[in-house]
PDB file of N, CA and C in Angstrom:
ATOM      1  N   MET A   1       0.834  -1.126  -0.036  1.00  0.00           N
ATOM      2  CA  MET A   1      -0.033   0.012  -0.028  1.00  0.00           C
ATOM      3  C   MET A   1       0.916   1.194   0.031  1.00  0.00           C
ATOM      4  N   GLN A   2       0.438   2.273  -0.629  1.00  0.00           N
ATOM      5  CA  GLN A   2       1.252   3.455  -0.798  1.00  0.00           C
ATOM      6  C   GLN A   2       1.300   4.157   0.605  1.00  0.00           C
ATOM      7  N   GLY A   3       2.261   4.853   0.805  1.00  0.00           N
ATOM      8  CA  GLY A   3       2.517   5.593   2.082  1.00  0.00           C
ATOM      9  C   GLY A   3       1.362   6.640   2.364  1.00  0.00           C
ATOM     10  N   ARG A   4       0.760   7.189   1.229  1.00  0.00           N
ATOM     11  CA  ARG A   4      -0.182   8.244   1.413  1.00  0.00           C
ATOM     12  C   ARG A   4      -1.439   7.656   2.043  1.00  0.00           C
ATOM     13  N   GLU A   5      -1.826   6.491   1.590  1.00  0.00           N
ATOM     14  CA  GLU A   5      -2.972   5.801   2.206  1.00  0.00           C
ATOM     15  C   GLU A   5      -2.771   5.407   3.677  1.00  0.00           C
ATOM     16  N   LEU A   6      -1.613   4.892   4.024  1.00  0.00           N
ATOM     17  CA  LEU A   6      -1.304   4.563   5.343  1.00  0.00           C
ATOM     18  C   LEU A   6      -1.250   5.783   6.246  1.00  0.00           C
ATOM     19  N   ARG A   7      -0.636   6.872   5.653  1.00  0.00           N
ATOM     20  CA  ARG A   7      -0.592   8.096   6.494  1.00  0.00           C
ATOM     21  C   ARG A   7      -1.949   8.633   6.804  1.00  0.00           C
ATOM     22  N   GLY A   8      -2.895   8.431   5.922  1.00  0.00           N
ATOM     23  CA  GLY A   8      -4.268   8.813   6.146  1.00  0.00           C
ATOM     24  C   GLY A   8      -4.991   8.025   7.297  1.00  0.00           C
ATOM     25  N   LEU A   9      -4.338   6.960   7.619  1.00  0.00           N
ATOM     26  CA  LEU A   9      -4.956   6.111   8.749  1.00  0.00           C
ATOM     27  C   LEU A   9      -4.143   6.247  10.038  1.00  0.00           C
ATOM     28  N   LEU A  10      -3.308   7.291  10.078  1.00  0.00           N
ATOM     29  CA  LEU A  10      -2.468   7.368  11.274  1.00  0.00           C
ATOM     30  C   LEU A  10      -3.327   7.639  12.556  1.00  0.00           C
ATOM     31  N   HIS A  11      -4.487   8.313  12.425  1.00  0.00           N
ATOM     32  CA  HIS A  11      -5.323   8.586  13.483  1.00  0.00           C
ATOM     33  C   HIS A  11      -5.736   7.255  14.293  1.00  0.00           C
ATOM     34  N   PRO A  12      -6.362   6.379  13.512  1.00  0.00           N
ATOM     35  CA  PRO A  12      -6.822   5.141  14.277  1.00  0.00           C
ATOM     36  C   PRO A  12      -5.556   4.337  14.716  1.00  0.00           C
ATOM     37  N   PHE A  13      -4.597   4.291  13.932  1.00  0.00           N
ATOM     38  CA  PHE A  13      -3.336   3.464  14.331  1.00  0.00           C
ATOM     39  C   PHE A  13      -2.734   4.100  15.618  1.00  0.00           C
ATOM     40  N   LEU A  14      -2.651   5.411  15.741  1.00  0.00           N
ATOM     41  CA  LEU A  14      -2.026   6.009  16.937  1.00  0.00           C
ATOM     42  C   LEU A  14      -2.997   5.789  18.121  1.00  0.00           C
ATOM     43  N   LEU A  15      -4.248   5.946  17.844  1.00  0.00           N
ATOM     44  CA  LEU A  15      -5.208   5.722  18.952  1.00  0.00           C
ATOM     45  C   LEU A  15      -5.080   4.318  19.467  1.00  0.00           C
ATOM     46  N   LEU A  16      -4.988   3.322  18.621  1.00  0.00           N
ATOM     47  CA  LEU A  16      -4.815   1.948  19.010  1.00  0.00           C
ATOM     48  C   LEU A  16      -3.585   1.694  19.846  1.00  0.00           C
ATOM     49  N   LEU A  17      -2.447   2.205  19.372  1.00  0.00           N
ATOM     50  CA  LEU A  17      -1.255   2.073  19.958  1.00  0.00           C
ATOM     51  C   LEU A  17      -1.231   2.644  21.382  1.00  0.00           C
ATOM     52  N   ILE A  18      -1.804   3.863  21.490  1.00  0.00           N
ATOM     53  CA  ILE A  18      -1.867   4.577  22.740  1.00  0.00           C
ATOM     54  C   ILE A  18      -2.765   3.712  23.737  1.00  0.00           C
ATOM     55  N   LEU A  19      -3.900   3.245  23.171  1.00  0.00           N
ATOM     56  CA  LEU A  19      -4.799   2.426  23.984  1.00  0.00           C
ATOM     57  C   LEU A  19      -3.970   1.237  24.546  1.00  0.00           C
ATOM     58  N   GLU A  20      -3.235   0.591  23.688  1.00  0.00           N
ATOM     59  CA  GLU A  20      -2.422  -0.650  24.082  1.00  0.00           C
ATOM     60  C   GLU A  20      -1.451  -0.206  25.195  1.00  0.00           C
ATOM     61  N   ARG A  21      -0.833   0.838  25.031  1.00  0.00           N
ATOM     62  CA  ARG A  21       0.136   1.352  26.029  1.00  0.00           C
ATOM     63  C   ARG A  21       0.482   2.810  25.718  1.00  0.00           C
ATOM     64  N   PRO A  22       0.314   3.751  26.712  1.00  0.00           N
ATOM     65  CA  PRO A  22       0.712   5.140  26.420  1.00  0.00           C
ATOM     66  C   PRO A  22       2.170   5.229  26.090  1.00  0.00           C
ATOM     67  N   GLY A  23       2.444   6.167  25.276  1.00  0.00           N
ATOM     68  CA  GLY A  23       3.914   6.329  24.909  1.00  0.00           C
ATOM     69  C   GLY A  23       4.185   7.668  24.327  1.00  0.00           C
ATOM     70  N   HIS A  24       5.489   7.946  24.185  1.00  0.00           N
ATOM     71  CA  HIS A  24       5.963   9.206  23.601  1.00  0.00           C
ATOM     72  C   HIS A  24       6.065   9.049  22.105  1.00  0.00           C
ATOM     73  N   GLY A  25       6.220  10.121  21.428  1.00  0.00           N
ATOM     74  CA  GLY A  25       6.288  10.114  19.937  1.00  0.00           C
ATOM     75  C   GLY A  25       7.261   9.102  19.293  1.00  0.00           C
ATOM     76  N   TYR A  26       8.483   9.156  19.690  1.00  0.00           N
ATOM     77  CA  TYR A  26       9.518   8.205  19.051  1.00  0.00           C
ATOM     78  C   TYR A  26       9.125   6.692  19.286  1.00  0.00           C
ATOM     79  N   ASP A  27       8.599   6.438  20.551  1.00  0.00           N
ATOM     80  CA  ASP A  27       8.109   5.097  20.876  1.00  0.00           C
ATOM     81  C   ASP A  27       6.953   4.710  19.962  1.00  0.00           C
ATOM     82  N   LEU A  28       6.031   5.634  19.713  1.00  0.00           N
ATOM     83  CA  LEU A  28       4.876   5.361  18.871  1.00  0.00           C
ATOM     84  C   LEU A  28       5.288   5.214  17.425  1.00  0.00           C
ATOM     85  N   ILE A  29       6.303   5.883  16.916  1.00  0.00           N
ATOM     86  CA  ILE A  29       6.853   5.622  15.642  1.00  0.00           C
ATOM     87  C   ILE A  29       7.461   4.401  15.463  1.00  0.00           C
ATOM     88  N   GLU A  30       8.202   3.890  16.448  1.00  0.00           N
ATOM     89  CA  GLU A  30       8.749   2.532  16.391  1.00  0.00           C
ATOM     90  C   GLU A  30       7.738   1.528  16.371  1.00  0.00           C
ATOM     91  N   ARG A  31       6.683   1.672  17.209  1.00  0.00           N
ATOM     92  CA  ARG A  31       5.516   0.752  17.198  1.00  0.00           C
ATOM     93  C   ARG A  31       4.775   0.709  15.945  1.00  0.00           C
ATOM     94  N   LEU A  32       4.611   1.917  15.251  1.00  0.00           N
ATOM     95  CA  LEU A  32       3.964   2.002  13.977  1.00  0.00           C
ATOM     96  C   LEU A  32       4.698   1.038  12.968  1.00  0.00           C
ATOM     97  N   ASP A  33       6.151   1.242  13.015  1.00  0.00           N
ATOM     98  CA  ASP A  33       6.971   0.376  12.178  1.00  0.00           C
ATOM     99  C   ASP A  33       6.743  -1.053  12.320  1.00  0.00           C
ATOM    100  N   ALA A  34       6.719  -1.412  13.619  1.00  0.00           N
ATOM    101  CA  ALA A  34       6.492  -2.774  13.977  1.00  0.00           C
ATOM    102  C   ALA A  34       5.044  -3.279  13.468  1.00  0.00           C
ATOM    103  N   MET A  35       4.149  -2.471  13.342  1.00  0.00           N
ATOM    104  CA  MET A  35       2.768  -2.663  12.904  1.00  0.00           C
ATOM    105  C   MET A  35       2.749  -2.847  11.370  1.00  0.00           C
ATOM    106  N   GLY A  36       3.777  -2.486  10.707  1.00  0.00           N
ATOM    107  CA  GLY A  36       3.885  -2.471   9.233  1.00  0.00           C
ATOM    108  C   GLY A  36       3.739  -1.128   8.614  1.00  0.00           C
ATOM    109  N   VAL A  37       3.632  -0.099   9.469  1.00  0.00           N
ATOM    110  CA  VAL A  37       3.464   1.351   8.887  1.00  0.00           C
ATOM    111  C   VAL A  37       4.927   1.920   9.037  1.00  0.00           C
ATOM    112  N   SER A  38       5.755   1.682   8.023  1.00  0.00           N
ATOM    113  CA  SER A  38       7.077   2.175   8.075  1.00  0.00           C
ATOM    114  C   SER A  38       7.293   3.399   7.158  1.00  0.00           C
ATOM    115  N   ASP A  39       8.379   3.992   7.340  1.00  0.00           N
ATOM    116  CA  ASP A  39       8.740   5.135   6.585  1.00  0.00           C
ATOM    117  C   ASP A  39       7.865   6.377   6.804  1.00  0.00           C
ATOM    118  N   VAL A  40       7.252   6.402   7.975  1.00  0.00           N
ATOM    119  CA  VAL A  40       6.386   7.477   8.295  1.00  0.00           C
ATOM    120  C   VAL A  40       7.240   8.705   8.757  1.00  0.00           C
ATOM    121  N   GLU A  41       6.926   9.818   8.268  1.00  0.00           N
ATOM    122  CA  GLU A  41       7.682  11.017   8.628  1.00  0.00           C
ATOM    123  C   GLU A  41       7.409  11.353  10.100  1.00  0.00           C
ATOM    124  N   PRO A  42       8.380  11.534  10.918  1.00  0.00           N
ATOM    125  CA  PRO A  42       8.214  11.834  12.434  1.00  0.00           C
ATOM    126  C   PRO A  42       7.335  13.082  12.454  1.00  0.00           C
ATOM    127  N   GLY A  43       7.652  14.139  11.668  1.00  0.00           N
ATOM    128  CA  GLY A  43       6.945  15.427  11.716  1.00  0.00           C
ATOM    129  C   GLY A  43       5.413  15.244  11.482  1.00  0.00           C
ATOM    130  N   HIS A  44       5.026  14.267  10.653  1.00  0.00           N
ATOM    131  CA  HIS A  44       3.671  13.993  10.442  1.00  0.00           C
ATOM    132  C   HIS A  44       2.937  13.451  11.546  1.00  0.00           C
ATOM    133  N   VAL A  45       3.707  12.384  12.235  1.00  0.00           N
ATOM    134  CA  VAL A  45       3.216  11.669  13.434  1.00  0.00           C
ATOM    135  C   VAL A  45       2.978  12.734  14.460  1.00  0.00           C
ATOM    136  N   TYR A  46       3.967  13.651  14.684  1.00  0.00           N
ATOM    137  CA  TYR A  46       3.796  14.712  15.742  1.00  0.00           C
ATOM    138  C   TYR A  46       2.617  15.644  15.492  1.00  0.00           C
ATOM    139  N   ARG A  47       2.402  15.984  14.218  1.00  0.00           N
ATOM    140  CA  ARG A  47       1.188  16.822  13.825  1.00  0.00           C
ATOM    141  C   ARG A  47      -0.068  16.151  14.091  1.00  0.00           C
ATOM    142  N   VAL A  48      -0.182  14.798  13.789  1.00  0.00           N
ATOM    143  CA  VAL A  48      -1.395  14.052  14.055  1.00  0.00           C
ATOM    144  C   VAL A  48      -1.545  13.993  15.653  1.00  0.00           C
ATOM    145  N   LEU A  49      -0.531  13.646  16.357  1.00  0.00           N
ATOM    146  CA  LEU A  49      -0.673  13.647  17.750  1.00  0.00           C
ATOM    147  C   LEU A  49      -1.240  15.000  18.381  1.00  0.00           C
ATOM    148  N   ARG A  50      -0.608  16.130  17.888  1.00  0.00           N
ATOM    149  CA  ARG A  50      -1.137  17.444  18.372  1.00  0.00           C
ATOM    150  C   ARG A  50      -2.659  17.582  17.962  1.00  0.00           C
ATOM    151  N   GLY A  51      -3.037  17.122  16.745  1.00  0.00           N
ATOM    152  CA  GLY A  51      -4.350  17.200  16.428  1.00  0.00           C
ATOM    153  C   GLY A  51      -5.268  16.356  17.249  1.00  0.00           C
ATOM    154  N   LEU A  52      -4.760  15.166  17.579  1.00  0.00           N
ATOM    155  CA  LEU A  52      -5.522  14.255  18.549  1.00  0.00           C
ATOM    156  C   LEU A  52      -5.604  14.920  19.838  1.00  0.00           C
ATOM    157  N   GLU A  53      -4.616  15.633  20.261  1.00  0.00           N
ATOM    158  CA  GLU A  53      -4.664  16.389  21.624  1.00  0.00           C
ATOM    159  C   GLU A  53      -5.690  17.532  21.516  1.00  0.00           C
ATOM    160  N   ARG A  54      -5.596  18.354  20.417  1.00  0.00           N
ATOM    161  CA  ARG A  54      -6.574  19.470  20.279  1.00  0.00           C
ATOM    162  C   ARG A  54      -7.975  18.981  20.280  1.00  0.00           C
ATOM    163  N   ASP A  55      -8.224  17.722  19.597  1.00  0.00           N
ATOM    164  CA  ASP A  55      -9.588  17.183  19.635  1.00  0.00           C
ATOM    165  C   ASP A  55      -9.963  16.526  20.959  1.00  0.00           C
ATOM    166  N   ARG A  56      -9.106  16.500  21.906  1.00  0.00           N
ATOM    167  CA  ARG A  56      -9.233  15.804  23.194  1.00  0.00           C
ATOM    168  C   ARG A  56      -9.388  14.317  23.179  1.00  0.00           C
ATOM    169  N   SER A  57      -8.823  13.824  22.147  1.00  0.00           N
ATOM    170  CA  SER A  57      -8.648  12.344  22.048  1.00  0.00           C
ATOM    171  C   SER A  57      -7.601  11.651  22.919  1.00  0.00           C
ATOM    172  N   VAL A  58      -6.562  12.524  23.057  1.00  0.00           N
ATOM    173  CA  VAL A  58      -5.536  12.141  23.858  1.00  0.00           C
ATOM    174  C   VAL A  58      -5.088  13.236  24.714  1.00  0.00           C
ATOM    175  N   THR A  59      -4.436  12.975  25.801  1.00  0.00           N
ATOM    176  CA  THR A  59      -3.789  14.008  26.609  1.00  0.00           C
ATOM    177  C   THR A  59      -2.350  13.685  26.745  1.00  0.00           C
ATOM    178  N   SER A  60      -1.479  14.724  27.033  1.00  0.00           N
ATOM    179  CA  SER A  60      -0.085  14.417  27.177  1.00  0.00           C
ATOM    180  C   SER A  60       0.452  15.077  28.411  1.00  0.00           C
ATOM    181  N   THR A  61       1.562  14.481  28.913  1.00  0.00           N
ATOM    182  CA  THR A  61       2.163  14.968  30.065  1.00  0.00           C
ATOM    183  C   THR A  61       3.713  14.857  29.802  1.00  0.00           C
ATOM    184  N   TRP A  62       4.520  15.698  30.393  1.00  0.00           N
ATOM    185  CA  TRP A  62       5.939  15.699  30.142  1.00  0.00           C
ATOM    186  C   TRP A  62       6.454  14.738  31.184  1.00  0.00           C
ATOM    187  N   GLN A  63       7.345  13.778  30.631  1.00  0.00           N
ATOM    188  CA  GLN A  63       8.004  12.789  31.470  1.00  0.00           C
ATOM    189  C   GLN A  63       9.452  13.205  31.581  1.00  0.00           C
ATOM    190  N   THR A  64       9.964  13.366  32.715  1.00  0.00           N
ATOM    191  CA  THR A  64      11.352  13.764  32.930  1.00  0.00           C
ATOM    192  C   THR A  64      12.191  12.661  33.470  1.00  0.00           C
ATOM    193  N   ASP A  65      11.583  11.487  33.852  1.00  0.00           N
ATOM    194  CA  ASP A  65      12.413  10.364  34.424  1.00  0.00           C
ATOM    195  C   ASP A  65      13.160   9.606  33.320  1.00  0.00           C
ATOM    196  N   GLY A  66      14.121   8.893  33.645  1.00  0.00           N
ATOM    197  CA  GLY A  66      14.840   8.039  32.754  1.00  0.00           C
ATOM    198  C   GLY A  66      16.192   8.720  32.333  1.00  0.00           C
ATOM    199  N   GLY A  67      16.498   9.845  32.894  1.00  0.00           N
ATOM    200  CA  GLY A  67      17.869  10.476  32.739  1.00  0.00           C
ATOM    201  C   GLY A  67      17.979  11.114  31.353  1.00  0.00           C
ATOM    202  N   GLY A  68      17.180  10.939  30.432  1.00  0.00           N
ATOM    203  CA  GLY A  68      17.251  11.666  29.093  1.00  0.00           C
ATOM    204  C   GLY A  68      16.538  12.883  29.079  1.00  0.00           C
ATOM    205  N   PRO A  69      16.337  13.374  28.003  1.00  0.00           N
ATOM    206  CA  PRO A  69      15.531  14.691  27.870  1.00  0.00           C
ATOM    207  C   PRO A  69      14.059  14.447  28.142  1.00  0.00           C
ATOM    208  N   ALA A  70      13.371  15.464  28.572  1.00  0.00           N
ATOM    209  CA  ALA A  70      11.938  15.269  28.817  1.00  0.00           C
ATOM    210  C   ALA A  70      11.206  15.015  27.561  1.00  0.00           C
ATOM    211  N   ARG A  71      10.209  14.057  27.679  1.00  0.00           N
ATOM    212  CA  ARG A  71       9.356  13.518  26.566  1.00  0.00           C
ATOM    213  C   ARG A  71       7.964  13.703  26.872  1.00  0.00           C
ATOM    214  N   ARG A  72       7.131  14.042  25.883  1.00  0.00           N
ATOM    215  CA  ARG A  72       5.761  14.221  26.007  1.00  0.00           C
ATOM    216  C   ARG A  72       5.065  12.798  25.845  1.00  0.00           C
ATOM    217  N   CYS A  73       4.414  12.338  26.928  1.00  0.00           N
ATOM    218  CA  CYS A  73       3.848  10.888  26.885  1.00  0.00           C
ATOM    219  C   CYS A  73       2.314  11.157  26.625  1.00  0.00           C
ATOM    220  N   TYR A  74       1.854  10.373  25.654  1.00  0.00           N
ATOM    221  CA  TYR A  74       0.371  10.511  25.281  1.00  0.00           C
ATOM    222  C   TYR A  74      -0.435   9.381  25.859  1.00  0.00           C
ATOM    223  N   THR A  75      -1.604   9.761  26.372  1.00  0.00           N
ATOM    224  CA  THR A  75      -2.624   8.825  26.974  1.00  0.00           C
ATOM    225  C   THR A  75      -3.959   9.047  26.386  1.00  0.00           C
ATOM    226  N   LEU A  76      -4.686   7.960  26.126  1.00  0.00           N
ATOM    227  CA  LEU A  76      -6.043   8.017  25.504  1.00  0.00           C
ATOM    228  C   LEU A  76      -7.023   8.561  26.554  1.00  0.00           C
ATOM    229  N   THR A  77      -8.011   9.305  26.040  1.00  0.00           N
ATOM    230  CA  THR A  77      -9.060   9.847  26.925  1.00  0.00           C
ATOM    231  C   THR A  77     -10.240   9.042  26.591  1.00  0.00           C
ATOM    232  N   ALA A  78     -11.384   9.333  27.288  1.00  0.00           N
ATOM    233  CA  ALA A  78     -12.694   8.671  27.031  1.00  0.00           C
ATOM    234  C   ALA A  78     -13.117   8.995  25.599  1.00  0.00           C
ATOM    235  N   LYS A  79     -12.977  10.214  25.161  1.00  0.00           N
ATOM    236  CA  LYS A  79     -13.285  10.608  23.843  1.00  0.00           C
ATOM    237  C   LYS A  79     -12.466   9.819  22.852  1.00  0.00           C
ATOM    238  N   GLY A  80     -11.180   9.611  23.131  1.00  0.00           N
ATOM    239  CA  GLY A  80     -10.288   8.853  22.275  1.00  0.00           C
ATOM    240  C   GLY A  80     -10.763   7.424  22.175  1.00  0.00           C
ATOM    241  N   HIS A  81     -11.347   6.760  23.243  1.00  0.00           N
ATOM    242  CA  HIS A  81     -11.875   5.439  23.151  1.00  0.00           C
ATOM    243  C   HIS A  81     -12.975   5.476  22.154  1.00  0.00           C
ATOM    244  N   ASP A  82     -13.914   6.488  22.298  1.00  0.00           N
ATOM    245  CA  ASP A  82     -15.052   6.508  21.414  1.00  0.00           C
ATOM    246  C   ASP A  82     -14.649   6.756  20.018  1.00  0.00           C
ATOM    247  N   ASP A  83     -13.654   7.602  19.767  1.00  0.00           N
ATOM    248  CA  ASP A  83     -13.140   7.828  18.464  1.00  0.00           C
ATOM    249  C   ASP A  83     -12.510   6.541  17.789  1.00  0.00           C
ATOM    250  N   LEU A  84     -11.849   5.781  18.598  1.00  0.00           N
ATOM    251  CA  LEU A  84     -11.233   4.568  18.157  1.00  0.00           C
ATOM    252  C   LEU A  84     -12.404   3.560  17.731  1.00  0.00           C
ATOM    253  N   ARG A  85     -13.404   3.436  18.589  1.00  0.00           N
ATOM    254  CA  ARG A  85     -14.510   2.540  18.319  1.00  0.00           C
ATOM    255  C   ARG A  85     -15.140   2.926  16.994  1.00  0.00           C
ATOM    256  N   SER A  86     -15.295   4.204  16.726  1.00  0.00           N
ATOM    257  CA  SER A  86     -15.888   4.710  15.472  1.00  0.00           C
ATOM    258  C   SER A  86     -14.962   4.347  14.325  1.00  0.00           C
ATOM    259  N   TRP A  87     -13.689   4.575  14.535  1.00  0.00           N
ATOM    260  CA  TRP A  87     -12.731   4.229  13.481  1.00  0.00           C
ATOM    261  C   TRP A  87     -12.728   2.709  13.109  1.00  0.00           C
ATOM    262  N   VAL A  88     -12.813   1.823  14.127  1.00  0.00           N
ATOM    263  CA  VAL A  88     -12.866   0.358  13.925  1.00  0.00           C
ATOM    264  C   VAL A  88     -14.048  -0.020  13.122  1.00  0.00           C
ATOM    265  N   THR A  89     -15.256   0.641  13.413  1.00  0.00           N
ATOM    266  CA  THR A  89     -16.402   0.357  12.728  1.00  0.00           C
ATOM    267  C   THR A  89     -16.167   0.687  11.183  1.00  0.00           C
ATOM    268  N   ASP A  90     -15.583   1.879  10.926  1.00  0.00           N
ATOM    269  CA  ASP A  90     -15.364   2.335   9.561  1.00  0.00           C
ATOM    270  C   ASP A  90     -14.309   1.400   8.930  1.00  0.00           C
ATOM    271  N   LEU A  91     -13.325   1.042   9.632  1.00  0.00           N
ATOM    272  CA  LEU A  91     -12.313   0.164   9.067  1.00  0.00           C
ATOM    273  C   LEU A  91     -12.846  -1.152   8.748  1.00  0.00           C
ATOM    274  N   ALA A  92     -13.700  -1.728   9.624  1.00  0.00           N
ATOM    275  CA  ALA A  92     -14.320  -3.049   9.300  1.00  0.00           C
ATOM    276  C   ALA A  92     -15.198  -3.008   8.030  1.00  0.00           C
ATOM    277  N   TYR A  93     -15.931  -1.852   7.851  1.00  0.00           N
ATOM    278  CA  TYR A  93     -16.610  -1.725   6.645  1.00  0.00           C
ATOM    279  C   TYR A  93     -15.714  -1.628   5.442  1.00  0.00           C
ATOM    280  N   LEU A  94     -14.616  -0.887   5.531  1.00  0.00           N
ATOM    281  CA  LEU A  94     -13.714  -0.719   4.551  1.00  0.00           C
ATOM    282  C   LEU A  94     -13.032  -2.132   4.171  1.00  0.00           C
ATOM    283  N   ASN A  95     -12.755  -2.887   5.236  1.00  0.00           N
ATOM    284  CA  ASN A  95     -12.274  -4.246   4.971  1.00  0.00           C
ATOM    285  C   ASN A  95     -13.149  -5.108   4.191  1.00  0.00           C
ATOM    286  N   GLN A  96     -14.527  -4.994   4.443  1.00  0.00           N
ATOM    287  CA  GLN A  96     -15.505  -5.819   3.686  1.00  0.00           C
ATOM    288  C   GLN A  96     -15.498  -5.266   2.210  1.00  0.00           C
ATOM    289  N   VAL A  97     -15.438  -3.986   1.947  1.00  0.00           N
ATOM    290  CA  VAL A  97     -15.432  -3.442   0.668  1.00  0.00           C
ATOM    291  C   VAL A  97     -14.136  -3.850  -0.033  1.00  0.00           C
ATOM    292  N   ILE A  98     -12.986  -3.773   0.453  1.00  0.00           N
ATOM    293  CA  ILE A  98     -11.742  -4.158  -0.167  1.00  0.00           C
ATOM    294  C   ILE A  98     -11.704  -5.696  -0.424  1.00  0.00           C
ATOM    295  N   GLY A  99     -12.268  -6.528   0.561  1.00  0.00           N
ATOM    296  CA  GLY A  99     -12.350  -7.922   0.354  1.00  0.00           C
ATOM    297  C   GLY A  99     -13.223  -8.270  -0.911  1.00  0.00           C
ATOM    298  N   ALA A 100     -14.420  -7.604  -0.999  1.00  0.00           N
ATOM    299  CA  ALA A 100     -15.235  -7.767  -2.080  1.00  0.00           C
ATOM    300  C   ALA A 100     -14.596  -7.405  -3.425  1.00  0.00           C
ATOM    301  N   CYS A 101     -13.839  -6.269  -3.431  1.00  0.00           N
ATOM    302  CA  CYS A 101     -13.100  -5.922  -4.593  1.00  0.00           C
ATOM    303  C   CYS A 101     -12.034  -6.971  -4.988  1.00  0.00           C
ATOM    304  N   LEU A 102     -11.313  -7.377  -3.966  1.00  0.00           N
ATOM    305  CA  LEU A 102     -10.258  -8.488  -4.296  1.00  0.00           C
ATOM    306  C   LEU A 102     -10.916  -9.686  -4.883  1.00  0.00           C
ATOM    307  N   ARG A 103     -12.045 -10.214  -4.286  1.00  0.00           N
ATOM    308  CA  ARG A 103     -12.693 -11.329  -4.833  1.00  0.00           C
ATOM    309  C   ARG A 103     -13.128 -11.155  -6.267  1.00  0.00           C
ATOM    310  N   ARG A 104     -13.896  -9.961  -6.523  1.00  0.00           N
ATOM    311  CA  ARG A 104     -14.327  -9.708  -7.867  1.00  0.00           C
ATOM    312  C   ARG A 104     -13.088  -9.543  -8.918  1.00  0.00           C
ATOM    313  N   SER A 105     -12.110  -8.962  -8.456  1.00  0.00           N
ATOM    314  CA  SER A 105     -10.853  -8.864  -9.274  1.00  0.00           C
ATOM    315  C   SER A 105     -10.309 -10.200  -9.566  1.00  0.00           C
ATOM    316  N   ALA A 106     -10.245 -11.144  -8.679  1.00  0.00           N
ATOM    317  CA  ALA A 106      -9.722 -12.413  -8.794  1.00  0.00           C
ATOM    318  C   ALA A 106     -10.675 -13.247  -9.826  1.00  0.00           C
ATOM    319  N   ASP A 107     -11.945 -13.114  -9.639  1.00  0.00           N
ATOM    320  CA  ASP A 107     -12.918 -13.760 -10.521  1.00  0.00           C
ATOM    321  C   ASP A 107     -12.703 -13.210 -11.933  1.00  0.00           C
ATOM    322  N   ALA A 108     -12.593 -11.851 -12.054  1.00  0.00           N
ATOM    323  CA  ALA A 108     -12.472 -11.260 -13.420  1.00  0.00           C
ATOM    324  C   ALA A 108     -11.147 -11.868 -14.066  1.00  0.00           C
ATOM    325  N   VAL A 109     -10.059 -11.849 -13.335  1.00  0.00           N
ATOM    326  CA  VAL A 109      -8.865 -12.330 -13.798  1.00  0.00           C
ATOM    327  C   VAL A 109      -8.965 -13.770 -14.293  1.00  0.00           C
ATOM    328  N   GLU A 110      -9.683 -14.593 -13.537  1.00  0.00           N
ATOM    329  CA  GLU A 110      -9.830 -15.925 -13.823  1.00  0.00           C
ATOM    330  C   GLU A 110     -10.645 -16.162 -15.072  1.00  0.00           C
ATOM    331  N   ARG A 111     -11.728 -15.365 -15.203  1.00  0.00           N
ATOM    332  CA  ARG A 111     -12.485 -15.328 -16.391  1.00  0.00           C
ATOM    333  C   ARG A 111     -11.736 -15.008 -17.680  1.00  0.00           C
ATOM    334  N   THR A 112     -10.921 -13.939 -17.523  1.00  0.00           N
ATOM    335  CA  THR A 112     -10.120 -13.412 -18.711  1.00  0.00           C
ATOM    336  C   THR A 112      -8.941 -14.300 -19.045  1.00  0.00           C
ATOM    337  N   ARG A 113      -8.298 -14.938 -18.010  1.00  0.00           N
ATOM    338  CA  ARG A 113      -7.170 -15.805 -18.305  1.00  0.00           C
ATOM    339  C   ARG A 113      -7.479 -17.250 -18.302  1.00  0.00           C
ATOM    340  N   GLY A 114      -8.567 -17.613 -17.786  1.00  0.00           N
ATOM    341  CA  GLY A 114      -8.901 -19.020 -17.803  1.00  0.00           C
ATOM    342  C   GLY A 114      -8.065 -19.868 -16.898  1.00  0.00           C
ATOM    343  N   GLY A 115      -7.399 -19.186 -15.958  1.00  0.00           N
ATOM    344  CA  GLY A 115      -6.462 -19.853 -15.137  1.00  0.00           C
ATOM    345  C   GLY A 115      -7.025 -20.179 -13.723  1.00  0.00           C
ATOM    346  N   PRO A 116      -6.298 -20.645 -12.908  1.00  0.00           N
ATOM    347  CA  PRO A 116      -6.882 -20.925 -11.537  1.00  0.00           C
ATOM    348  C   PRO A 116      -7.234 -19.708 -10.786  1.00  0.00           C
ATOM    349  N   ARG A 117      -8.262 -19.805  -9.846  1.00  0.00           N
ATOM    350  CA  ARG A 117      -8.615 -18.596  -9.048  1.00  0.00           C
ATOM    351  C   ARG A 117      -7.636 -18.404  -8.011  1.00  0.00           C
ATOM    352  N   ASP A 118      -6.966 -17.270  -8.104  1.00  0.00           N
ATOM    353  CA  ASP A 118      -5.925 -16.869  -7.040  1.00  0.00           C
ATOM    354  C   ASP A 118      -6.343 -15.432  -6.605  1.00  0.00           C
ATOM    355  N   PRO A 119      -6.749 -15.340  -5.357  1.00  0.00           N
ATOM    356  CA  PRO A 119      -7.294 -14.045  -4.860  1.00  0.00           C
ATOM    357  C   PRO A 119      -6.286 -12.849  -5.010  1.00  0.00           C
ATOM    358  N   TYR A 120      -5.093 -13.215  -5.188  1.00  0.00           N
ATOM    359  CA  TYR A 120      -4.042 -12.151  -5.212  1.00  0.00           C
ATOM    360  C   TYR A 120      -3.456 -11.967  -6.510  1.00  0.00           C
ATOM    361  N   ALA A 121      -4.035 -12.619  -7.539  1.00  0.00           N
ATOM    362  CA  ALA A 121      -3.465 -12.603  -8.925  1.00  0.00           C
ATOM    363  C   ALA A 121      -3.543 -11.199  -9.541  1.00  0.00           C
ATOM    364  N   ALA A 122      -4.675 -10.547  -9.211  1.00  0.00           N
ATOM    365  CA  ALA A 122      -4.786  -9.121  -9.808  1.00  0.00           C
ATOM    366  C   ALA A 122      -3.754  -8.195  -9.161  1.00  0.00           C
ATOM    367  N   VAL A 123      -3.467  -8.470  -7.906  1.00  0.00           N
ATOM    368  CA  VAL A 123      -2.571  -7.583  -7.263  1.00  0.00           C
ATOM    369  C   VAL A 123      -1.122  -7.828  -7.782  1.00  0.00           C
ATOM    370  N   ARG A 124      -0.803  -9.012  -8.062  1.00  0.00           N
ATOM    371  CA  ARG A 124       0.601  -9.338  -8.654  1.00  0.00           C
ATOM    372  C   ARG A 124       0.648  -9.040 -10.034  1.00  0.00           C
ATOM    373  N   GLY A 125      -0.479  -8.991 -10.681  1.00  0.00           N
ATOM    374  CA  GLY A 125      -0.513  -8.612 -12.109  1.00  0.00           C
ATOM    375  C   GLY A 125      -0.568  -9.830 -12.977  1.00  0.00           C
TER     376      GLY A 125
END
């Protein structure tokens, strides 16, 4: 998937990661990478986090422990839980639509090529 599409989903991804465990920006970027969302620009993540804070979906506090520089740690709010539930509903619907598209694409490829039905054939070309 192109980076632009994944960047557009940073809101629910970050809400989920913060629900799992509050964290600071760099920690969240590392966890995004482990989730498969790599090569995200740190500045974009921080802009999304600030937006989530403005929307009151997350709160942040400065952590000064650990001997290093102070870091802003993000925690989910009740509104953030509600926002994530809404996102999950929307993403589940999107998953159904994408699944239907992939199945139809595989069927169309099978009809035009006469080959075996491979649900990812259209993706591979």
